Amino acid sequence: MHRSPMRNHRTPRPLLLGVLLVAAVVLAACGEDSPSGISAERTDTAPAAFDVVQTVVEVDDDDLVFRTRVGADAGSDTPEPVGVLDGAPVWSYVWPTSLDSSSVGFEPGQGILALAATSHPDFDDTPLYDENGDGDVANDGADWHTHWVVLTESAECDGGLAVHDIPDGETPALPPTWPELPILIDSPDIPLTLDAEAIEIRIPATAVGTPEDFSFDGVTSGLRVSTDTHDPLLCVEVVFDVASGDLSLPGELDR
C-alpha cells in the first residue's frame, strides 16, 4: 500500500529564494565522499523515501550524473490515483539548477531550470516513449520518469512554486520532446535508476550545452494539477525536504 506523505507532511507557504521551503531546516554541509555536493542531516518531518541526505551532480566522462540519496527506499512511495486529471497528484525528486532555461530548448531567462523524476498515475506526459514496454505509450505515468521543468514563484501555490505556464496564444521556443502541455516541461528519453538509498539520472553533458560549471540543489516535493482554474496548471503543493534547507543552490559540479 502506498503511503501518503502529501497528506501527512504539510509545509508553510514559502517564498522562492532566501526563505525556508520546509518546516524543519536541515543543516547542509559538504560530505566527505562528495566534496562539491550537499549533505544534510536526517529529519523526522519527511518520509524516508523523500528525506534527502545527500545531493550531488558529478561529471563522469561525457555525462552529467544527478544523484540524490534519501533515508531509505528511493522511489518506493508513489501517489494514489484520484481517477481524473484535475487534482491529480505528482510526486517528485528535483534538482533545481542555475542553468539557463535555454540550455534545453526553452526561451532564455524563464525561471529555474530543474531536472526532475516524477510519478503520477492519473496521466501520462511522455507520449513519445513506452517506458514499461507494454506497447502502450499512454499508460506509463505511474512509473518514475524524467523531465526538465522551468519553475517560477507563485503565490497561488502552497509550496510557493509552479511549473511555468504558457499563456493562451503564446508560442515560445520549446524542446522537440515537449509533450504538448501548456507549461514549460520537456519529456526527453532519459532513463533513471533507483536503488535502496538513491535515485540517479545520467544525461549527456551535450544535452545542456556542456556547461563548464553550474550550481544546484536537491528537493523532494508533491505537486498537483489544476485544470479547472489553470492558475497555475501545475503547482508545488508540498515540499517534503530541501537539501540546502533554503533553496540557495549551493551545490557545485563535482569533477
C-alpha atoms as a PDB file:
ATOM      1  CA  MET A   1       0.000   0.000   0.000  1.00  0.00           C
ATOM      2  CA  HIS A   2       1.291   3.447  -0.889  1.00  0.00           C
ATOM      3  CA  ARG A   3       1.831   5.887   1.918  1.00  0.00           C
ATOM      4  CA  SER A   4       0.542   9.423   1.514  1.00  0.00           C
ATOM      5  CA  PRO A   5       3.187  11.909   2.636  1.00  0.00           C
ATOM      6  CA  MET A   6       1.294  14.744   0.954  1.00  0.00           C
ATOM      7  CA  ARG A   7      -1.493  14.368   3.462  1.00  0.00           C
ATOM      8  CA  ASN A   8       0.722  13.984   6.495  1.00  0.00           C
ATOM      9  CA  HIS A   9       3.602  16.371   5.958  1.00  0.00           C
ATOM     10  CA  ARG A  10       2.426  19.896   5.178  1.00  0.00           C
ATOM     11  CA  THR A  11       4.748  22.859   4.815  1.00  0.00           C
ATOM     12  CA  PRO A  12       4.166  26.603   5.247  1.00  0.00           C
ATOM     13  CA  ARG A  13       3.840  28.814   2.160  1.00  0.00           C
ATOM     14  CA  PRO A  14       7.411  29.869   1.334  1.00  0.00           C
ATOM     15  CA  LEU A  15       8.947  32.490  -0.924  1.00  0.00           C
ATOM     16  CA  LEU A  16      11.233  31.370  -3.699  1.00  0.00           C
ATOM     17  CA  LEU A  17      14.766  32.278  -2.646  1.00  0.00           C
ATOM     18  CA  GLY A  18      16.118  33.205   0.745  1.00  0.00           C
ATOM     19  CA  VAL A  19      13.032  31.972   2.661  1.00  0.00           C
ATOM     20  CA  LEU A  20      12.672  28.462   4.072  1.00  0.00           C
ATOM     21  CA  LEU A  21      10.777  25.938   1.986  1.00  0.00           C
ATOM     22  CA  VAL A  22      10.393  23.388   4.761  1.00  0.00           C
ATOM     23  CA  ALA A  23       9.077  23.475   8.292  1.00  0.00           C
ATOM     24  CA  ALA A  24      12.264  21.992   9.685  1.00  0.00           C
ATOM     25  CA  VAL A  25      15.523  23.479   8.439  1.00  0.00           C
ATOM     26  CA  VAL A  26      18.273  20.919   7.839  1.00  0.00           C
ATOM     27  CA  LEU A  27      21.925  21.793   8.206  1.00  0.00           C
ATOM     28  CA  ALA A  28      23.679  21.362   4.869  1.00  0.00           C
ATOM     29  CA  ALA A  29      27.390  20.691   4.743  1.00  0.00           C
ATOM     30  CA  CYS A  30      29.851  19.195   2.318  1.00  0.00           C
ATOM     31  CA  GLY A  31      30.033  15.414   2.574  1.00  0.00           C
ATOM     32  CA  GLU A  32      33.327  13.580   2.738  1.00  0.00           C
ATOM     33  CA  ASP A  33      32.559  11.327  -0.221  1.00  0.00           C
ATOM     34  CA  SER A  34      31.206  14.205  -2.338  1.00  0.00           C
ATOM     35  CA  PRO A  35      33.022  17.451  -1.506  1.00  0.00           C
ATOM     36  CA  SER A  36      31.032  19.507  -4.024  1.00  0.00           C
ATOM     37  CA  GLY A  37      27.622  18.053  -3.174  1.00  0.00           C
ATOM     38  CA  ILE A  38      25.168  18.906  -0.418  1.00  0.00           C
ATOM     39  CA  SER A  39      24.812  16.658   2.608  1.00  0.00           C
ATOM     40  CA  ALA A  40      22.040  17.019   5.172  1.00  0.00           C
ATOM     41  CA  GLU A  41      21.010  15.530   8.474  1.00  0.00           C
ATOM     42  CA  ARG A  42      18.086  13.109   8.637  1.00  0.00           C
ATOM     43  CA  THR A  43      14.805  14.733   9.602  1.00  0.00           C
ATOM     44  CA  ASP A  44      11.612  13.339  11.102  1.00  0.00           C
ATOM     45  CA  THR A  45       9.430  15.698   9.062  1.00  0.00           C
ATOM     46  CA  ALA A  46       9.751  13.824   5.754  1.00  0.00           C
ATOM     47  CA  PRO A  47       9.049  10.184   4.844  1.00  0.00           C
ATOM     48  CA  ALA A  48      12.256   8.169   4.489  1.00  0.00           C
ATOM     49  CA  ALA A  49      11.841   7.812   0.714  1.00  0.00           C
ATOM     50  CA  PHE A  50      11.790  11.621   0.392  1.00  0.00           C
ATOM     51  CA  ASP A  51      14.199  12.510   3.209  1.00  0.00           C
ATOM     52  CA  VAL A  52      17.211  13.947   1.382  1.00  0.00           C
ATOM     53  CA  VAL A  53      20.554  13.096   2.964  1.00  0.00           C
ATOM     54  CA  GLN A  54      22.817  13.961   0.038  1.00  0.00           C
ATOM     55  CA  THR A  55      22.576  15.517  -3.415  1.00  0.00           C
ATOM     56  CA  VAL A  56      25.394  15.618  -5.935  1.00  0.00           C
ATOM     57  CA  VAL A  57      25.948  16.341  -9.624  1.00  0.00           C
ATOM     58  CA  GLU A  58      29.172  14.942 -10.978  1.00  0.00           C
ATOM     59  CA  VAL A  59      30.981  14.678 -14.286  1.00  0.00           C
ATOM     60  CA  ASP A  60      31.574  11.114 -15.490  1.00  0.00           C
ATOM     61  CA  ASP A  61      33.382  11.086 -18.840  1.00  0.00           C
ATOM     62  CA  ASP A  62      30.943  12.868 -21.189  1.00  0.00           C
ATOM     63  CA  ASP A  63      27.948  12.591 -18.867  1.00  0.00           C
ATOM     64  CA  LEU A  64      26.473  14.561 -16.003  1.00  0.00           C
ATOM     65  CA  VAL A  65      25.214  12.336 -13.191  1.00  0.00           C
ATOM     66  CA  PHE A  66      22.477  13.752 -10.941  1.00  0.00           C
ATOM     67  CA  ARG A  67      22.145  11.706  -7.754  1.00  0.00           C
ATOM     68  CA  THR A  68      20.119  12.111  -4.580  1.00  0.00           C
ATOM     69  CA  ARG A  69      20.464   9.817  -1.593  1.00  0.00           C
ATOM     70  CA  VAL A  70      17.481   9.529   0.732  1.00  0.00           C
ATOM     71  CA  GLY A  71      16.774   7.934   4.085  1.00  0.00           C
ATOM     72  CA  ALA A  72      15.581   4.645   2.570  1.00  0.00           C
ATOM     73  CA  ASP A  73      13.804   3.044  -0.380  1.00  0.00           C
ATOM     74  CA  ALA A  74      14.096   5.725  -3.060  1.00  0.00           C
ATOM     75  CA  GLY A  75      11.072   5.661  -5.347  1.00  0.00           C
ATOM     76  CA  SER A  76       9.147   3.222  -3.162  1.00  0.00           C
ATOM     77  CA  ASP A  77       6.328   5.706  -2.473  1.00  0.00           C
ATOM     78  CA  THR A  78       4.076   6.767  -5.349  1.00  0.00           C
ATOM     79  CA  PRO A  79       0.848   8.762  -5.179  1.00  0.00           C
ATOM     80  CA  GLU A  80      -2.555   7.140  -5.084  1.00  0.00           C
ATOM     81  CA  PRO A  81      -4.578   7.962  -8.205  1.00  0.00           C
ATOM     82  CA  VAL A  82      -7.642  10.166  -7.943  1.00  0.00           C
ATOM     83  CA  GLY A  83      -9.108   8.973 -11.261  1.00  0.00           C
ATOM     84  CA  VAL A  84      -9.216  12.325 -13.081  1.00  0.00           C
ATOM     85  CA  LEU A  85      -6.698  14.861 -14.318  1.00  0.00           C
ATOM     86  CA  ASP A  86      -7.994  17.765 -12.236  1.00  0.00           C
ATOM     87  CA  GLY A  87      -6.473  17.385  -8.790  1.00  0.00           C
ATOM     88  CA  ALA A  88      -4.081  14.644  -9.904  1.00  0.00           C
ATOM     89  CA  PRO A  89      -1.053  14.336  -7.588  1.00  0.00           C
ATOM     90  CA  VAL A  90       2.533  14.337  -8.841  1.00  0.00           C
ATOM     91  CA  TRP A  91       5.418  13.282  -6.581  1.00  0.00           C
ATOM     92  CA  SER A  92       8.924  14.258  -7.494  1.00  0.00           C
ATOM     93  CA  TYR A  93      12.650  14.227  -6.879  1.00  0.00           C
ATOM     94  CA  VAL A  94      14.005  17.525  -8.232  1.00  0.00           C
ATOM     95  CA  TRP A  95      17.408  19.079  -8.938  1.00  0.00           C
ATOM     96  CA  PRO A  96      16.921  22.860  -9.348  1.00  0.00           C
ATOM     97  CA  THR A  97      19.913  24.334 -11.184  1.00  0.00           C
ATOM     98  CA  SER A  98      21.428  27.667 -12.181  1.00  0.00           C
ATOM     99  CA  LEU A  99      21.408  26.583 -15.831  1.00  0.00           C
ATOM    100  CA  ASP A 100      19.514  28.938 -18.101  1.00  0.00           C
ATOM    101  CA  SER A 101      16.176  27.677 -19.410  1.00  0.00           C
ATOM    102  CA  SER A 102      17.544  27.971 -22.958  1.00  0.00           C
ATOM    103  CA  SER A 103      20.022  25.166 -22.171  1.00  0.00           C
ATOM    104  CA  VAL A 104      17.400  22.556 -23.072  1.00  0.00           C
ATOM    105  CA  GLY A 105      15.416  24.481 -25.684  1.00  0.00           C
ATOM    106  CA  PHE A 106      13.107  26.865 -23.832  1.00  0.00           C
ATOM    107  CA  GLU A 107      13.234  30.639 -24.192  1.00  0.00           C
ATOM    108  CA  PRO A 108      16.082  32.170 -22.144  1.00  0.00           C
ATOM    109  CA  GLY A 109      15.520  33.577 -18.666  1.00  0.00           C
ATOM    110  CA  GLN A 110      12.209  31.871 -17.951  1.00  0.00           C
ATOM    111  CA  GLY A 111      12.893  30.743 -14.376  1.00  0.00           C
ATOM    112  CA  ILE A 112      14.686  27.961 -12.514  1.00  0.00           C
ATOM    113  CA  LEU A 113      15.575  25.099 -14.843  1.00  0.00           C
ATOM    114  CA  ALA A 114      15.235  21.844 -12.917  1.00  0.00           C
ATOM    115  CA  LEU A 115      15.752  18.194 -13.708  1.00  0.00           C
ATOM    116  CA  ALA A 116      13.001  16.092 -12.162  1.00  0.00           C
ATOM    117  CA  ALA A 117      11.943  12.487 -11.694  1.00  0.00           C
ATOM    118  CA  THR A 118       8.174  12.192 -11.281  1.00  0.00           C
ATOM    119  CA  SER A 119       5.395   9.681 -10.676  1.00  0.00           C
ATOM    120  CA  HIS A 120       1.717  10.467 -11.393  1.00  0.00           C
ATOM    121  CA  PRO A 121      -0.658   7.548 -12.034  1.00  0.00           C
ATOM    122  CA  ASP A 122      -3.575   9.630 -13.352  1.00  0.00           C
ATOM    123  CA  PHE A 123      -1.962  10.739 -16.623  1.00  0.00           C
ATOM    124  CA  ASP A 124       0.948  10.131 -18.990  1.00  0.00           C
ATOM    125  CA  ASP A 125       3.104  13.057 -20.121  1.00  0.00           C
ATOM    126  CA  THR A 126       5.739  11.145 -22.107  1.00  0.00           C
ATOM    127  CA  PRO A 127       3.744  10.494 -25.307  1.00  0.00           C
ATOM    128  CA  LEU A 128       6.776   9.613 -27.406  1.00  0.00           C
ATOM    129  CA  TYR A 129       8.013   6.764 -25.222  1.00  0.00           C
ATOM    130  CA  ASP A 130       6.792   3.441 -23.850  1.00  0.00           C
ATOM    131  CA  GLU A 131       8.641   3.265 -20.552  1.00  0.00           C
ATOM    132  CA  ASN A 132       7.137  -0.001 -19.322  1.00  0.00           C
ATOM    133  CA  GLY A 133       7.468  -1.727 -22.699  1.00  0.00           C
ATOM    134  CA  ASP A 134       3.889  -2.980 -22.942  1.00  0.00           C
ATOM    135  CA  GLY A 135       3.175  -1.440 -26.334  1.00  0.00           C
ATOM    136  CA  ASP A 136       1.058   1.410 -24.958  1.00  0.00           C
ATOM    137  CA  VAL A 137       2.774   4.791 -24.777  1.00  0.00           C
ATOM    138  CA  ALA A 138      -0.094   6.352 -22.790  1.00  0.00           C
ATOM    139  CA  ASN A 139      -0.100   4.343 -19.556  1.00  0.00           C
ATOM    140  CA  ASP A 140       3.329   4.978 -18.033  1.00  0.00           C
ATOM    141  CA  GLY A 141       2.676   7.938 -15.743  1.00  0.00           C
ATOM    142  CA  ALA A 142       2.957   5.985 -12.501  1.00  0.00           C
ATOM    143  CA  ASP A 143       6.438   4.729 -13.408  1.00  0.00           C
ATOM    144  CA  TRP A 144       9.224   7.069 -12.319  1.00  0.00           C
ATOM    145  CA  HIS A 145      10.408   9.038 -15.342  1.00  0.00           C
ATOM    146  CA  THR A 146      12.447  12.107 -16.233  1.00  0.00           C
ATOM    147  CA  HIS A 147      11.530  15.701 -17.119  1.00  0.00           C
ATOM    148  CA  TRP A 148      13.064  19.100 -17.484  1.00  0.00           C
ATOM    149  CA  VAL A 149      10.802  21.775 -15.999  1.00  0.00           C
ATOM    150  CA  VAL A 150      11.019  25.524 -15.507  1.00  0.00           C
ATOM    151  CA  LEU A 151       9.934  26.633 -12.027  1.00  0.00           C
ATOM    152  CA  THR A 152       8.723  30.106 -11.104  1.00  0.00           C
ATOM    153  CA  GLU A 153       7.461  31.697  -7.909  1.00  0.00           C
ATOM    154  CA  SER A 154       3.695  31.502  -7.434  1.00  0.00           C
ATOM    155  CA  ALA A 155       1.687  32.939  -4.553  1.00  0.00           C
ATOM    156  CA  GLU A 156      -1.242  30.755  -5.620  1.00  0.00           C
ATOM    157  CA  CYS A 157       0.632  27.548  -4.752  1.00  0.00           C
ATOM    158  CA  ASP A 158       1.012  26.244  -1.186  1.00  0.00           C
ATOM    159  CA  GLY A 159       4.622  25.320  -1.943  1.00  0.00           C
ATOM    160  CA  GLY A 160       5.382  28.769  -3.358  1.00  0.00           C
ATOM    161  CA  LEU A 161       6.416  27.469  -6.786  1.00  0.00           C
ATOM    162  CA  ALA A 162       4.780  26.321 -10.006  1.00  0.00           C
ATOM    163  CA  VAL A 163       5.819  24.921 -13.333  1.00  0.00           C
ATOM    164  CA  HIS A 164       5.807  27.938 -15.642  1.00  0.00           C
ATOM    165  CA  ASP A 165       2.521  28.257 -17.542  1.00  0.00           C
ATOM    166  CA  ILE A 166       2.377  29.051 -21.265  1.00  0.00           C
ATOM    167  CA  PRO A 167      -0.272  31.772 -21.635  1.00  0.00           C
ATOM    168  CA  ASP A 168      -3.006  31.240 -24.206  1.00  0.00           C
ATOM    169  CA  GLY A 169      -1.958  32.411 -27.632  1.00  0.00           C
ATOM    170  CA  GLU A 170       1.774  32.437 -26.949  1.00  0.00           C
ATOM    171  CA  THR A 171       4.135  30.220 -28.939  1.00  0.00           C
ATOM    172  CA  PRO A 172       7.515  30.261 -27.167  1.00  0.00           C
ATOM    173  CA  ALA A 173      10.522  28.223 -28.190  1.00  0.00           C
ATOM    174  CA  LEU A 174      10.146  24.672 -26.882  1.00  0.00           C
ATOM    175  CA  PRO A 175      12.265  21.498 -26.900  1.00  0.00           C
ATOM    176  CA  PRO A 176      11.445  18.939 -29.618  1.00  0.00           C
ATOM    177  CA  THR A 177      10.240  16.479 -26.958  1.00  0.00           C
ATOM    178  CA  TRP A 178       7.803  18.939 -25.353  1.00  0.00           C
ATOM    179  CA  PRO A 179       4.678  16.846 -24.539  1.00  0.00           C
ATOM    180  CA  GLU A 180       2.213  19.490 -25.842  1.00  0.00           C
ATOM    181  CA  LEU A 181       1.094  20.631 -22.399  1.00  0.00           C
ATOM    182  CA  PRO A 182       0.632  24.390 -21.784  1.00  0.00           C
ATOM    183  CA  ILE A 183       3.577  24.531 -19.372  1.00  0.00           C
ATOM    184  CA  LEU A 184       7.357  24.675 -19.700  1.00  0.00           C
ATOM    185  CA  ILE A 185       8.073  20.965 -19.423  1.00  0.00           C
ATOM    186  CA  ASP A 186      10.185  18.633 -21.522  1.00  0.00           C
ATOM    187  CA  SER A 187       9.837  14.860 -21.741  1.00  0.00           C
ATOM    188  CA  PRO A 188      13.141  13.541 -23.082  1.00  0.00           C
ATOM    189  CA  ASP A 189      14.011   9.866 -23.242  1.00  0.00           C
ATOM    190  CA  ILE A 190      16.400   9.918 -20.273  1.00  0.00           C
ATOM    191  CA  PRO A 191      16.421   6.762 -18.124  1.00  0.00           C
ATOM    192  CA  LEU A 192      16.820   6.821 -14.369  1.00  0.00           C
ATOM    193  CA  THR A 193      17.911   4.270 -11.813  1.00  0.00           C
ATOM    194  CA  LEU A 194      16.607   3.579  -8.320  1.00  0.00           C
ATOM    195  CA  ASP A 195      18.146   1.547  -5.549  1.00  0.00           C
ATOM    196  CA  ALA A 196      17.610   1.169  -1.815  1.00  0.00           C
ATOM    197  CA  GLU A 197      19.049   4.577  -0.989  1.00  0.00           C
ATOM    198  CA  ALA A 198      19.385   6.704  -4.123  1.00  0.00           C
ATOM    199  CA  ILE A 199      17.838   7.952  -7.322  1.00  0.00           C
ATOM    200  CA  GLU A 200      20.167   8.733 -10.221  1.00  0.00           C
ATOM    201  CA  ILE A 201      19.742  10.330 -13.645  1.00  0.00           C
ATOM    202  CA  ARG A 202      22.569  10.332 -16.173  1.00  0.00           C
ATOM    203  CA  ILE A 203      22.469  12.767 -19.082  1.00  0.00           C
ATOM    204  CA  PRO A 204      24.966  13.618 -21.823  1.00  0.00           C
ATOM    205  CA  ALA A 205      26.660  16.907 -20.982  1.00  0.00           C
ATOM    206  CA  THR A 206      25.959  17.983 -24.563  1.00  0.00           C
ATOM    207  CA  ALA A 207      22.219  17.854 -23.771  1.00  0.00           C
ATOM    208  CA  VAL A 208      22.657  21.058 -21.718  1.00  0.00           C
ATOM    209  CA  GLY A 209      25.382  22.664 -23.814  1.00  0.00           C
ATOM    210  CA  THR A 210      28.373  21.105 -21.992  1.00  0.00           C
ATOM    211  CA  PRO A 211      28.500  23.742 -19.224  1.00  0.00           C
ATOM    212  CA  GLU A 212      31.792  24.453 -17.504  1.00  0.00           C
ATOM    213  CA  ASP A 213      30.038  24.808 -14.167  1.00  0.00           C
ATOM    214  CA  PHE A 214      26.638  25.398 -12.573  1.00  0.00           C
ATOM    215  CA  SER A 215      25.078  25.256  -9.138  1.00  0.00           C
ATOM    216  CA  PHE A 216      22.228  23.077  -7.939  1.00  0.00           C
ATOM    217  CA  ASP A 217      20.104  21.920  -5.025  1.00  0.00           C
ATOM    218  CA  GLY A 218      18.058  18.840  -4.181  1.00  0.00           C
ATOM    219  CA  VAL A 219      14.338  18.871  -3.427  1.00  0.00           C
ATOM    220  CA  THR A 220      11.598  16.298  -2.882  1.00  0.00           C
ATOM    221  CA  SER A 221       8.057  17.543  -3.350  1.00  0.00           C
ATOM    222  CA  GLY A 222       4.453  16.883  -4.200  1.00  0.00           C
ATOM    223  CA  LEU A 223       2.666  18.802  -6.941  1.00  0.00           C
ATOM    224  CA  ARG A 224      -0.956  18.889  -8.017  1.00  0.00           C
ATOM    225  CA  VAL A 225      -2.692  19.520 -11.340  1.00  0.00           C
ATOM    226  CA  SER A 226      -5.455  22.120 -11.552  1.00  0.00           C
ATOM    227  CA  THR A 227      -7.350  22.053 -14.853  1.00  0.00           C
ATOM    228  CA  ASP A 228     -10.382  23.944 -13.525  1.00  0.00           C
ATOM    229  CA  THR A 229      -8.639  27.181 -12.624  1.00  0.00           C
ATOM    230  CA  HIS A 230      -5.435  26.674 -14.673  1.00  0.00           C
ATOM    231  CA  ASP A 231      -3.858  29.247 -12.357  1.00  0.00           C
ATOM    232  CA  PRO A 232      -1.324  27.742 -12.499  1.00  0.00           C
ATOM    233  CA  LEU A 233      -1.787  24.333 -14.127  1.00  0.00           C
ATOM    234  CA  LEU A 234       0.843  22.505 -12.044  1.00  0.00           C
ATOM    235  CA  CYS A 235       1.507  23.776  -8.505  1.00  0.00           C
ATOM    236  CA  VAL A 236       4.087  22.672  -5.987  1.00  0.00           C
ATOM    237  CA  GLU A 237       1.691  21.807  -3.181  1.00  0.00           C
ATOM    238  CA  VAL A 238       4.031  20.461  -0.522  1.00  0.00           C
ATOM    239  CA  VAL A 239       7.809  20.326  -0.090  1.00  0.00           C
ATOM    240  CA  PHE A 240       8.999  17.214   1.726  1.00  0.00           C
ATOM    241  CA  ASP A 241      12.670  18.184   2.010  1.00  0.00           C
ATOM    242  CA  VAL A 242      15.336  20.534   0.616  1.00  0.00           C
ATOM    243  CA  ALA A 243      18.994  19.540   0.705  1.00  0.00           C
ATOM    244  CA  SER A 244      20.254  23.068   1.417  1.00  0.00           C
ATOM    245  CA  GLY A 245      17.321  23.985   3.651  1.00  0.00           C
ATOM    246  CA  ASP A 246      16.672  27.267   1.805  1.00  0.00           C
ATOM    247  CA  LEU A 247      16.855  26.544  -1.943  1.00  0.00           C
ATOM    248  CA  SER A 248      20.047  28.569  -2.204  1.00  0.00           C
ATOM    249  CA  LEU A 249      21.560  26.189  -4.811  1.00  0.00           C
ATOM    250  CA  PRO A 250      24.899  25.803  -3.014  1.00  0.00           C
ATOM    251  CA  GLY A 251      25.939  22.598  -4.782  1.00  0.00           C
ATOM    252  CA  GLU A 252      28.896  22.752  -7.152  1.00  0.00           C
ATOM    253  CA  LEU A 253      29.604  20.488 -10.093  1.00  0.00           C
ATOM    254  CA  ASP A 254      31.879  17.682  -8.922  1.00  0.00           C
ATOM    255  CA  ARG A 255      34.741  16.991 -11.307  1.00  0.00           C
END
